[in-house]
């Protein structure tokens, strides 16, 4: 099943410009929602989250900079890309737009081909970030597991682990806060092929705590229950 086309909000008071942008986005395979003023867009954004917003600055009911700043302050919308589209061409306006949280700044007059290319670039960046996040696990802002390269970092510094230690740490890190019994850890490490005792887990945990240094404090032992990685 193919995913739904990306939804782009167009906040622009000039109907001719809105139509041109919407048509160009439609040809590129995107959906669009159009708004002539900031108030209507604010009402919409409370109920619907676009995948990206193209935002004019000179709106009839306010400054688009304020909208940009407010969107980036809202946790549910902070990661939504915003492309400012404005007739303001001064360097200071560009700088202010980026400082307010805009992800890109396009000046008028503009090329629809370039605008669509910039929209696509934002989504490619987003996909790369998501892919990168799926390949790493971060715990408590100090422990990072690189699942692709089988590397572990504590506060940015690499830590040498054995393959078994890495797999054990990954089991705990994929469910931070969950308590795993020794048997569950053994099953995760060796499955039906395990020929070791549950004390083997204690041995590896002890080594992990030592090698991880400060991050070793994240490994918690619960008497009679097992182990967990504290988030």
Protein backbone atom coordinates (compact mmCIF):
# COMPACT_ATOMS: atom_id res chain seq x y z
CA UNK A 1 0.00 0.00 0.00
CA UNK A 2 1.49 3.33 -1.08
CA UNK A 3 1.73 6.08 1.56
CA UNK A 4 -0.51 9.13 1.20
CA UNK A 5 1.09 12.07 -0.65
CA UNK A 6 2.79 14.62 1.57
CA UNK A 7 0.57 17.51 2.65
CA UNK A 8 1.95 21.03 2.15
CA UNK A 9 0.35 24.07 3.78
CA UNK A 10 0.60 27.24 1.69
CA UNK A 11 0.16 30.43 3.71
CA UNK A 12 0.09 33.25 1.15
CA UNK A 13 -2.29 36.19 0.81
CA UNK A 14 -1.94 36.54 -2.98
CA UNK A 15 -4.42 34.10 -4.60
CA UNK A 16 -2.49 34.02 -7.89
CA UNK A 17 0.71 33.02 -6.10
CA UNK A 18 -1.15 30.40 -4.05
CA UNK A 19 -2.62 28.89 -7.20
CA UNK A 20 0.76 28.74 -8.94
CA UNK A 21 2.40 27.05 -5.96
CA UNK A 22 -0.46 24.59 -5.47
CA UNK A 23 -0.41 23.64 -9.14
CA UNK A 24 3.35 23.08 -9.11
CA UNK A 25 3.14 20.97 -5.96
CA UNK A 26 0.27 18.96 -7.43
CA UNK A 27 2.30 18.14 -10.53
CA UNK A 28 5.11 16.96 -8.24
CA UNK A 29 2.76 14.58 -6.43
CA UNK A 30 2.02 16.61 -3.31
CA UNK A 31 -1.28 17.61 -1.72
CA UNK A 32 -1.78 21.18 -0.55
CA UNK A 33 -3.94 23.20 1.83
CA UNK A 34 -4.16 26.94 1.08
CA UNK A 35 -4.59 29.87 3.45
CA UNK A 36 -4.89 33.59 2.74
CA UNK A 37 -4.15 34.74 6.28
CA UNK A 38 -2.43 33.69 9.46
CA UNK A 39 -5.63 33.36 11.51
CA UNK A 40 -7.14 30.69 9.26
CA UNK A 41 -3.87 28.81 9.21
CA UNK A 42 -3.60 28.91 13.01
CA UNK A 43 -7.11 27.44 13.29
CA UNK A 44 -6.18 24.71 10.85
CA UNK A 45 -2.90 23.82 12.51
CA UNK A 46 -4.66 23.15 15.80
CA UNK A 47 -6.47 20.22 14.20
CA UNK A 48 -4.24 19.13 11.32
CA UNK A 49 -0.47 18.79 11.01
CA UNK A 50 0.92 19.40 7.52
CA UNK A 51 4.13 17.66 6.51
CA UNK A 52 5.64 21.02 5.53
CA UNK A 53 4.57 24.69 5.48
CA UNK A 54 5.38 27.34 2.87
CA UNK A 55 4.96 30.61 4.72
CA UNK A 56 4.72 34.17 3.41
CA UNK A 57 5.88 36.89 5.80
CA UNK A 58 3.69 39.81 4.74
CA UNK A 59 0.26 38.55 5.73
CA UNK A 60 -2.79 40.82 6.06
CA UNK A 61 -3.31 39.97 9.72
CA UNK A 62 0.25 39.78 11.01
CA UNK A 63 3.88 38.92 10.44
CA UNK A 64 4.77 35.43 9.26
CA UNK A 65 7.86 35.58 11.47
CA UNK A 66 5.60 35.37 14.51
CA UNK A 67 3.85 32.32 13.09
CA UNK A 68 7.19 30.67 12.35
CA UNK A 69 8.43 31.28 15.87
CA UNK A 70 5.21 30.04 17.45
CA UNK A 71 5.18 26.83 15.40
CA UNK A 72 8.74 25.98 16.38
CA UNK A 73 7.87 26.47 20.04
CA UNK A 74 5.11 23.86 19.91
CA UNK A 75 6.51 20.36 20.60
CA UNK A 76 4.10 18.65 18.20
CA UNK A 77 5.11 20.96 15.34
CA UNK A 78 8.73 21.83 16.08
CA UNK A 79 10.09 19.28 13.61
CA UNK A 80 7.75 20.29 10.78
CA UNK A 81 9.85 21.94 8.02
CA UNK A 82 9.03 25.58 7.26
CA UNK A 83 10.06 27.30 4.04
CA UNK A 84 9.66 31.07 4.20
CA UNK A 85 8.59 32.62 0.89
CA UNK A 86 8.95 36.38 0.99
CA UNK A 87 9.58 39.56 -0.97
CA UNK A 88 11.92 40.64 1.81
CA UNK A 89 15.35 40.17 0.28
CA UNK A 90 17.63 41.81 2.82
CA UNK A 91 20.24 39.62 4.47
CA UNK A 92 18.91 40.55 7.91
CA UNK A 93 15.47 39.22 6.99
CA UNK A 94 17.01 35.91 5.89
CA UNK A 95 19.04 35.67 9.08
CA UNK A 96 16.04 36.52 11.25
CA UNK A 97 13.91 33.91 9.46
CA UNK A 98 16.47 31.18 10.10
CA UNK A 99 16.89 32.30 13.71
CA UNK A 100 13.12 32.06 14.16
CA UNK A 101 13.36 28.41 13.14
CA UNK A 102 12.70 28.43 9.38
CA UNK A 103 14.38 25.57 7.54
CA UNK A 104 14.77 27.48 4.26
CA UNK A 105 14.17 30.97 2.86
CA UNK A 106 13.08 31.67 -0.73
CA UNK A 107 12.72 35.20 -2.07
CA UNK A 108 10.17 36.54 -4.54
CA UNK A 109 10.03 36.51 -7.47
CA UNK A 110 10.75 32.79 -7.42
CA UNK A 111 10.94 29.77 -9.68
CA UNK A 112 8.28 27.15 -8.96
CA UNK A 113 10.74 24.50 -10.12
CA UNK A 114 13.26 25.68 -7.53
CA UNK A 115 10.60 25.90 -4.82
CA UNK A 116 9.46 22.33 -5.46
CA UNK A 117 13.11 21.20 -5.45
CA UNK A 118 13.58 22.82 -2.05
CA UNK A 119 10.45 21.11 -0.74
CA UNK A 120 11.79 17.75 -1.90
CA UNK A 121 15.17 18.53 -0.34
CA UNK A 122 13.51 19.07 3.04
CA UNK A 123 11.84 15.67 2.86
CA UNK A 124 15.09 13.98 1.82
CA UNK A 125 16.78 15.54 4.83
CA UNK A 126 13.96 14.36 7.07
CA UNK A 127 14.21 10.82 5.69
CA UNK A 128 17.97 10.77 6.28
CA UNK A 129 17.46 11.91 9.87
CA UNK A 130 14.85 9.21 10.45
CA UNK A 131 17.11 6.59 8.90
CA UNK A 132 20.00 7.71 11.08
CA UNK A 133 17.81 7.59 14.19
CA UNK A 134 16.72 4.04 13.32
CA UNK A 135 20.37 3.00 13.15
CA UNK A 136 21.30 4.36 16.56
CA UNK A 137 20.03 4.12 20.11
CA UNK A 138 20.69 6.92 22.58
CA UNK A 139 20.10 6.59 26.31
CA UNK A 140 20.17 9.39 28.87
CA UNK A 141 22.06 11.70 26.52
CA UNK A 142 25.36 9.98 27.30
CA UNK A 143 25.23 6.46 25.88
CA UNK A 144 25.02 5.88 22.12
CA UNK A 145 24.83 2.56 20.27
CA UNK A 146 25.59 2.55 16.54
CA UNK A 147 23.67 -0.51 15.35
CA UNK A 148 25.13 -0.43 11.86
CA UNK A 149 28.79 -0.34 12.85
CA UNK A 150 28.41 -2.22 16.16
CA UNK A 151 30.05 0.60 18.08
CA UNK A 152 29.29 2.13 21.46
CA UNK A 153 30.07 5.66 22.59
CA UNK A 154 29.95 7.17 26.08
CA UNK A 155 29.79 10.96 26.01
CA UNK A 156 31.15 10.83 22.47
CA UNK A 157 34.11 8.58 23.26
CA UNK A 158 34.26 5.05 21.78
CA UNK A 159 34.12 2.04 24.09
CA UNK A 160 35.48 -1.36 23.08
CA UNK A 161 32.99 -4.17 23.74
CA UNK A 162 32.96 -7.82 22.79
CA UNK A 163 30.20 -8.95 20.39
CA UNK A 164 28.32 -10.58 23.27
CA UNK A 165 28.58 -7.47 25.42
CA UNK A 166 27.29 -5.35 22.55
CA UNK A 167 24.30 -7.64 21.96
CA UNK A 168 23.49 -7.69 25.68
CA UNK A 169 23.65 -3.90 25.89
CA UNK A 170 21.47 -3.61 22.80
CA UNK A 171 18.81 -5.87 24.34
CA UNK A 172 18.58 -3.56 27.35
CA UNK A 173 18.92 -0.31 25.38
CA UNK A 174 16.09 -1.16 22.96
CA UNK A 175 13.69 -1.20 25.92
CA UNK A 176 15.11 1.32 28.41
CA UNK A 177 13.47 0.96 31.80
CA UNK A 178 12.24 -2.58 31.12
CA UNK A 179 13.42 -5.29 33.50
CA UNK A 180 14.84 -8.38 31.80
CA UNK A 181 15.31 -11.62 33.68
CA UNK A 182 18.52 -13.57 33.22
CA UNK A 183 16.63 -16.18 31.21
CA UNK A 184 15.20 -13.51 28.88
CA UNK A 185 18.67 -12.09 28.32
CA UNK A 186 20.10 -15.55 27.65
CA UNK A 187 17.32 -16.25 25.15
CA UNK A 188 18.06 -12.96 23.43
CA UNK A 189 21.77 -13.73 23.23
CA UNK A 190 21.75 -17.38 22.28
CA UNK A 191 18.14 -18.53 21.80
CA UNK A 192 17.73 -22.28 21.91
CA UNK A 193 21.47 -22.76 21.43
CA UNK A 194 22.44 -21.50 24.86
CA UNK A 195 24.81 -23.79 26.73
CA UNK A 196 25.71 -21.37 29.53
CA UNK A 197 24.30 -20.68 32.97
CA UNK A 198 22.42 -17.59 34.04
CA UNK A 199 25.53 -16.51 35.97
CA UNK A 200 27.10 -15.79 32.60
CA UNK A 201 24.80 -12.77 32.38
CA UNK A 202 26.11 -11.48 35.71
CA UNK A 203 29.66 -11.80 34.41
CA UNK A 204 28.90 -9.80 31.25
CA UNK A 205 26.95 -7.15 33.16
CA UNK A 206 29.90 -6.65 35.52
CA UNK A 207 32.23 -6.20 32.55
CA UNK A 208 29.80 -3.82 30.86
CA UNK A 209 29.48 -1.62 33.94
CA UNK A 210 33.27 -1.38 34.14
CA UNK A 211 33.82 -0.64 30.44
CA UNK A 212 31.04 1.92 30.20
CA UNK A 213 32.54 4.11 32.91
CA UNK A 214 30.07 6.82 33.94
CA UNK A 215 27.36 5.27 31.78
CA UNK A 216 27.79 2.03 33.71
CA UNK A 217 25.63 3.59 36.42
CA UNK A 218 22.70 3.27 34.00
CA UNK A 219 22.84 -0.52 34.35
CA UNK A 220 20.67 -1.49 37.30
CA UNK A 221 20.38 -4.85 39.05
CA UNK A 222 17.07 -5.74 40.68
CA UNK A 223 17.48 -8.53 43.18
CA UNK A 224 15.51 -11.61 42.20
CA UNK A 225 14.23 -9.98 39.00
CA UNK A 226 17.07 -9.23 36.62
CA UNK A 227 18.58 -6.18 34.96
CA UNK A 228 17.50 -2.98 33.25
CA UNK A 229 19.05 0.05 31.60
CA UNK A 230 17.83 3.18 33.33
CA UNK A 231 16.77 5.89 30.82
